[in-house]
Amino acid sequence: MFPPIASRDSIVSDDVNPLTEAYRDVVIYDEPVDDDPLYEGPIVVHANGWIELEGNRLLSPSAVHHIDIYDGEVTGSRAERDDSGVDQPDDRE
């Protein structure tokens, strides 16, 4: 009838947590040379430095040398798209 005293679930959802950052398009490298990326895709960076990958996998901050973030770059066919990835008509005249 009453909720349990202790739980593994956070009382604050990730949508409300101001200490996490989500990125859609990143490349993670484990060495200073940018030849072979460790991971490519979306991530969530938590306040403690851990990086959440797809499939609820976690990556230690000590395993990462640097991260390139491409979320803000707009190129070619993406120039006419909104955040949902759907092409939008150009109404600016």
Protein backbone atom coordinates (compact mmCIF):
# COMPACT_ATOMS: atom_id res chain seq x y z
CA MET A 1 0.00 0.00 0.00
CA PHE A 2 2.84 2.43 0.78
CA PRO A 3 5.93 2.87 -1.42
CA PRO A 4 9.13 1.20 -0.22
CA ILE A 5 11.42 3.12 2.12
CA ALA A 6 14.45 2.73 -0.15
CA SER A 7 14.48 2.51 -3.92
CA ARG A 8 17.03 2.38 -6.73
CA ASP A 9 14.97 4.86 -8.74
CA SER A 10 15.74 8.55 -8.50
CA ILE A 11 13.06 10.86 -7.18
CA VAL A 12 14.16 13.40 -9.79
CA SER A 13 13.71 12.39 -13.42
CA ASP A 14 16.44 13.07 -15.97
CA ASP A 15 14.17 15.67 -17.60
CA VAL A 16 14.26 17.72 -14.40
CA ASN A 17 17.89 17.09 -13.48
CA PRO A 18 19.88 20.20 -14.49
CA LEU A 19 23.20 18.41 -14.01
CA THR A 20 22.91 16.14 -17.06
CA GLU A 21 23.57 17.10 -20.67
CA ALA A 22 22.33 15.13 -23.67
CA TYR A 23 23.95 15.25 -27.10
CA ARG A 24 22.68 13.61 -30.30
CA ASP A 25 25.77 13.54 -32.51
CA VAL A 26 29.18 13.03 -30.87
CA VAL A 27 32.41 11.14 -31.49
CA ILE A 28 34.37 9.91 -28.45
CA TYR A 29 38.11 9.25 -28.64
CA ASP A 30 40.26 7.36 -26.15
CA GLU A 31 43.61 8.64 -27.50
CA PRO A 32 44.90 12.06 -28.55
CA VAL A 33 45.22 10.88 -32.17
CA ASP A 34 41.86 11.06 -33.96
CA ASP A 35 42.34 7.95 -36.10
CA ASP A 36 40.01 5.42 -34.49
CA PRO A 37 36.97 6.62 -32.52
CA LEU A 38 35.88 4.76 -29.42
CA TYR A 39 32.18 5.55 -29.95
CA GLU A 40 29.92 7.51 -32.32
CA GLY A 41 26.31 8.45 -31.62
CA PRO A 42 24.10 9.99 -28.92
CA ILE A 43 25.24 10.31 -25.29
CA VAL A 44 24.14 11.65 -21.92
CA VAL A 45 26.82 13.20 -19.72
CA HIS A 46 26.03 12.87 -16.02
CA ALA A 47 27.16 15.25 -13.27
CA ASN A 48 29.66 12.71 -11.92
CA GLY A 49 31.42 12.59 -15.32
CA TRP A 50 30.15 9.20 -16.42
CA ILE A 51 28.88 9.02 -19.99
CA GLU A 52 25.75 7.04 -20.81
CA LEU A 53 25.77 5.43 -24.25
CA GLU A 54 22.99 3.76 -26.19
CA GLY A 55 21.61 0.64 -24.55
CA ASN A 56 22.13 2.03 -21.01
CA ARG A 57 25.87 1.33 -21.19
CA LEU A 58 28.17 3.55 -19.13
CA LEU A 59 31.60 4.82 -20.06
CA SER A 60 34.05 5.91 -17.37
CA PRO A 61 35.42 9.45 -17.63
CA SER A 62 38.94 8.02 -17.23
CA ALA A 63 38.48 6.05 -20.49
CA VAL A 64 37.84 9.20 -22.55
CA HIS A 65 40.52 11.49 -23.95
CA HIS A 66 38.16 13.90 -25.70
CA ILE A 67 34.71 14.24 -27.24
CA ASP A 68 33.84 16.04 -30.46
CA ILE A 69 30.27 17.37 -30.44
CA TYR A 70 28.53 17.96 -33.78
CA ASP A 71 25.00 18.85 -32.56
CA GLY A 72 25.18 22.50 -33.59
CA GLU A 73 26.62 21.98 -37.05
CA VAL A 74 24.17 22.24 -39.93
CA THR A 75 25.31 21.06 -43.34
CA GLY A 76 23.73 20.44 -46.73
CA SER A 77 20.39 18.65 -46.49
CA ARG A 78 20.19 19.25 -42.73
CA ALA A 79 20.02 23.04 -43.30
CA GLU A 80 16.29 22.95 -44.04
CA ARG A 81 15.34 20.64 -41.16
CA ASP A 82 13.93 21.33 -37.73
CA ASP A 83 14.85 19.41 -34.55
CA SER A 84 12.64 16.46 -35.50
CA GLY A 85 14.71 15.82 -38.63
CA VAL A 86 11.78 16.56 -40.95
CA ASP A 87 12.36 18.85 -43.91
CA GLN A 88 10.59 22.18 -43.51
CA PRO A 89 9.59 24.55 -46.31
CA ASP A 90 11.56 27.77 -46.56
CA ASP A 91 8.98 30.53 -45.84
CA ARG A 92 11.52 33.35 -45.67
CA GLU A 93 10.98 35.67 -48.63
